[in-house]
Amino acid sequence: MPLIPEEPQIHESAQGPRATPAGGRTAQTPRPVPGPRPAAPSRPGRPGPLRPTPPAQRTPRDVAVKPGPPAPAAPAPVTPQIQLIPASVEGASDAAEEAVDLLLDSGRAPGDVLVITTGELHPWAAHELSFGEAPYWAQHDAGDDVFYTGAAAVERAGVRPVVVVAVNGGSTTVAATALQLARARAAALLIVCGDPQQINAALSAGV
């Protein structure tokens, strides 16, 4: 048979673009047109978009205290007025009694007055102590009447508006100690009855 001229072979490289067979590479999926994206659903346990944190509510303990006016300073101890009534050692107790009478007549309440003797006890104090110290000091704590005590027990006495001291004996040291303690217990007035020289010496020694 006569040979049929071979048809010119067309090589693949000469062909135009060809679709990739199904068994070959997968065709790329067309990309969507850019546009607004739907908001992603919130996930459990994950906060959404961060927002400015509101200021925490403060409890009364957290509230800052605004500086106010400074607190007034504690008042300084008041120095009582001191009144001296000249009297002899023997007459100091009587002078103290007269001072107490004048105080009561001027309107002072009996419970405002404390009387201290540096020597012999006042007869009232000696009488009341005969029943025991407990009932004796109970009258002091009640504060209903004039209270009499000796220099040895002044530290146990409390503060009263008026203190009267009868320097009716005892050494200068005893008198000085009694006067110092008496002044600390007199809120308004300290009356001292006795020898002015002895009182001045006692004041210079201990007050």
Protein backbone atom coordinates (compact mmCIF):
# COMPACT_ATOMS: atom_id res chain seq x y z
CA MET A 1 0.00 0.00 0.00
CA PRO A 2 1.20 3.35 -0.70
CA LEU A 3 2.38 5.11 2.32
CA ILE A 4 0.11 7.81 3.52
CA PRO A 5 2.03 10.81 4.33
CA GLU A 6 2.17 11.19 8.04
CA GLU A 7 0.18 13.95 9.40
CA PRO A 8 2.26 16.46 11.04
CA GLN A 9 2.32 15.65 14.75
CA ILE A 10 1.25 18.38 16.99
CA HIS A 11 3.26 18.44 20.17
CA GLU A 12 1.64 19.39 23.38
CA SER A 13 4.05 22.23 23.85
CA ALA A 14 2.64 23.85 20.83
CA GLN A 15 -0.90 23.62 22.02
CA GLY A 16 -2.60 26.39 23.85
CA PRO A 17 -3.57 26.25 27.42
CA ARG A 18 -5.40 23.14 28.33
CA ALA A 19 -7.60 22.36 31.22
CA THR A 20 -5.92 20.13 33.68
CA PRO A 21 -7.47 16.71 33.55
CA ALA A 22 -9.66 15.66 36.46
CA GLY A 23 -7.02 13.27 37.64
CA GLY A 24 -4.40 16.03 37.81
CA ARG A 25 -4.23 19.23 39.87
CA THR A 26 -7.42 20.57 41.35
CA ALA A 27 -8.59 23.80 39.88
CA GLN A 28 -8.40 26.71 42.27
CA THR A 29 -11.66 27.88 43.81
CA PRO A 30 -12.59 31.35 42.68
CA ARG A 31 -11.89 33.89 45.42
CA PRO A 32 -14.90 35.79 46.73
CA VAL A 33 -15.18 39.45 46.07
CA PRO A 34 -13.87 41.45 49.02
CA GLY A 35 -16.65 42.93 51.08
CA PRO A 36 -17.81 43.38 54.68
CA ARG A 37 -17.05 40.31 56.76
CA PRO A 38 -19.66 39.02 59.12
CA ALA A 39 -18.76 39.44 62.82
CA ALA A 40 -17.29 36.32 64.26
CA PRO A 41 -19.61 34.70 66.75
CA SER A 42 -18.42 35.12 70.31
CA ARG A 43 -16.96 32.07 71.86
CA PRO A 44 -17.97 30.87 75.28
CA GLY A 45 -15.58 32.12 77.91
CA ARG A 46 -13.95 34.65 75.62
CA PRO A 47 -14.82 38.32 75.91
CA GLY A 48 -15.86 40.26 72.93
CA PRO A 49 -14.14 43.44 71.81
CA LEU A 50 -12.22 45.09 74.66
CA ARG A 51 -13.97 48.05 76.16
CA PRO A 52 -12.60 50.67 78.49
CA THR A 53 -12.76 49.27 82.00
CA PRO A 54 -15.19 51.32 84.10
CA PRO A 55 -13.79 52.65 87.35
CA ALA A 56 -14.24 50.15 90.14
CA GLN A 57 -16.90 51.03 92.66
CA ARG A 58 -15.12 51.74 95.90
CA THR A 59 -16.41 50.46 99.14
CA PRO A 60 -16.41 52.80 102.12
CA ARG A 61 -13.05 51.36 103.14
CA ASP A 62 -11.53 52.22 99.75
CA VAL A 63 -12.81 55.77 99.62
CA ALA A 64 -9.90 58.11 99.95
CA VAL A 65 -10.20 60.39 102.90
CA LYS A 66 -9.95 63.97 101.83
CA PRO A 67 -7.59 65.94 103.99
CA GLY A 68 -9.64 68.13 106.25
CA PRO A 69 -8.67 70.75 108.74
CA PRO A 70 -6.03 69.53 111.16
CA ALA A 71 -7.37 68.14 114.40
CA PRO A 72 -7.00 70.51 117.31
CA ALA A 73 -4.06 69.73 119.49
CA ALA A 74 -4.75 68.16 122.84
CA PRO A 75 -5.33 70.87 125.40
CA ALA A 76 -2.40 71.50 127.64
CA PRO A 77 -2.88 70.64 131.29
CA VAL A 78 -4.59 73.50 133.05
CA THR A 79 -2.53 75.05 135.83
CA PRO A 80 -4.83 75.69 138.78
CA GLN A 81 -4.95 79.03 140.50
CA ILE A 82 -3.00 78.89 143.78
CA GLN A 83 -4.24 80.72 146.87
CA LEU A 84 -2.17 80.91 150.06
CA ILE A 85 -3.81 81.35 153.47
CA PRO A 86 -1.19 82.10 156.17
CA ALA A 87 -1.61 80.00 159.30
CA SER A 88 0.49 78.36 161.96
CA VAL A 89 1.11 74.63 161.90
CA GLU A 90 -1.42 74.26 164.73
CA GLY A 91 -3.98 76.46 163.02
CA ALA A 92 -3.62 75.10 159.48
CA SER A 93 -6.45 72.59 159.85
CA ASP A 94 -8.85 75.24 161.18
CA ALA A 95 -7.89 77.57 158.33
CA ALA A 96 -8.61 74.78 155.85
CA GLU A 97 -12.04 74.23 157.45
CA GLU A 98 -12.86 77.91 157.10
CA ALA A 99 -11.78 77.78 153.44
CA VAL A 100 -14.08 74.83 152.82
CA ASP A 101 -17.00 76.66 154.46
CA LEU A 102 -16.40 79.70 152.26
CA LEU A 103 -16.28 77.50 149.14
CA LEU A 104 -19.59 75.84 149.99
CA ASP A 105 -21.19 79.19 150.84
CA SER A 106 -20.07 80.56 147.47
CA GLY A 107 -21.93 77.79 145.65
CA ARG A 108 -19.33 75.06 145.31
CA ALA A 109 -20.76 71.55 145.50
CA PRO A 110 -19.38 69.45 148.38
CA GLY A 111 -18.22 66.83 145.89
CA ASP A 112 -15.98 69.43 144.22
CA VAL A 113 -13.67 69.72 147.22
CA LEU A 114 -10.75 67.53 148.33
CA VAL A 115 -8.91 68.32 151.59
CA ILE A 116 -5.37 67.04 152.25
CA THR A 117 -3.47 67.22 155.52
CA THR A 118 0.32 66.83 155.65
CA GLY A 119 0.45 66.00 159.37
CA GLU A 120 -2.29 64.65 161.59
CA LEU A 121 -5.34 63.27 159.80
CA HIS A 122 -8.54 65.28 159.81
CA PRO A 123 -10.95 63.92 162.47
CA TRP A 124 -13.46 62.93 159.76
CA ALA A 125 -10.86 60.87 157.87
CA ALA A 126 -9.66 59.17 161.05
CA HIS A 127 -13.26 58.30 161.98
CA GLU A 128 -14.20 56.92 158.57
CA LEU A 129 -11.01 54.88 158.28
CA SER A 130 -11.93 53.14 161.52
CA PHE A 131 -14.61 51.29 159.52
CA GLY A 132 -12.07 50.10 156.94
CA GLU A 133 -10.48 51.47 153.80
CA ALA A 134 -13.06 50.00 151.42
CA PRO A 135 -16.04 52.00 152.69
CA TYR A 136 -13.79 55.02 153.20
CA TRP A 137 -12.62 55.13 149.56
CA ALA A 138 -16.12 54.25 148.37
CA GLN A 139 -17.20 57.66 149.66
CA HIS A 140 -14.38 59.23 147.64
CA ASP A 141 -15.50 57.44 144.49
CA ALA A 142 -19.11 58.46 145.05
CA GLY A 143 -18.05 62.13 144.96
CA ASP A 144 -21.08 63.31 146.93
CA ASP A 145 -19.31 65.15 149.75
CA VAL A 146 -16.10 66.84 150.80
CA PHE A 147 -13.40 64.19 151.08
CA TYR A 148 -10.53 64.35 153.58
CA THR A 149 -7.31 62.36 153.23
CA GLY A 150 -3.71 62.40 154.40
CA ALA A 151 -0.54 63.13 152.45
CA ALA A 152 0.38 59.44 152.40
CA ALA A 153 -2.75 58.54 150.38
CA VAL A 154 -2.96 61.50 148.00
CA GLU A 155 -1.88 59.38 145.03
CA ARG A 156 -5.07 57.34 145.36
CA ALA A 157 -7.28 60.43 145.27
CA GLY A 158 -8.80 61.61 142.02
CA VAL A 159 -9.06 65.01 140.38
CA ARG A 160 -11.49 67.53 141.82
CA PRO A 161 -12.12 71.16 140.91
CA VAL A 162 -10.79 72.46 144.24
CA VAL A 163 -8.08 71.00 146.47
CA VAL A 164 -7.36 72.43 149.92
CA VAL A 165 -4.05 71.54 151.60
CA ALA A 166 -3.51 72.02 155.33
CA VAL A 167 0.22 72.04 156.06
CA ASN A 168 -0.34 70.98 159.67
CA GLY A 169 2.89 69.08 160.18
CA GLY A 170 5.29 66.72 158.50
CA SER A 171 8.68 67.41 157.03
CA THR A 172 9.42 69.78 154.18
CA THR A 173 9.79 66.76 151.88
CA VAL A 174 6.36 65.42 152.87
CA ALA A 175 4.81 68.85 152.36
CA ALA A 176 6.53 69.29 148.99
CA THR A 177 5.31 65.90 147.75
CA ALA A 178 1.79 66.57 148.99
CA LEU A 179 1.69 69.97 147.30
CA GLN A 180 2.96 68.55 144.02
CA LEU A 181 0.33 65.81 144.02
CA ALA A 182 -2.35 68.24 145.18
CA ARG A 183 -1.66 70.62 142.30
CA ALA A 184 -1.93 67.74 139.84
CA ARG A 185 -5.39 66.94 141.26
CA ALA A 186 -6.73 70.48 141.37
CA ALA A 187 -8.60 71.24 138.18
CA ALA A 188 -9.32 74.90 138.97
CA LEU A 189 -8.15 76.06 142.40
CA LEU A 190 -5.49 75.01 144.91
CA ILE A 191 -5.72 76.53 148.39
CA VAL A 192 -2.75 76.04 150.71
CA CYS A 193 -3.08 76.82 154.43
CA GLY A 194 0.04 77.03 156.60
CA ASP A 195 3.25 78.85 157.39
CA PRO A 196 4.19 80.89 154.28
CA GLN A 197 7.93 80.23 154.77
CA GLN A 198 7.40 76.49 155.04
CA ILE A 199 5.05 76.50 152.08
CA ASN A 200 7.50 78.51 149.96
CA ALA A 201 10.31 76.13 150.92
CA ALA A 202 8.07 73.15 150.01
CA LEU A 203 7.09 74.72 146.70
CA SER A 204 10.73 75.42 145.84
CA ALA A 205 11.72 71.88 146.78
CA GLY A 206 9.10 69.89 144.91
CA VAL A 207 6.69 72.00 142.88
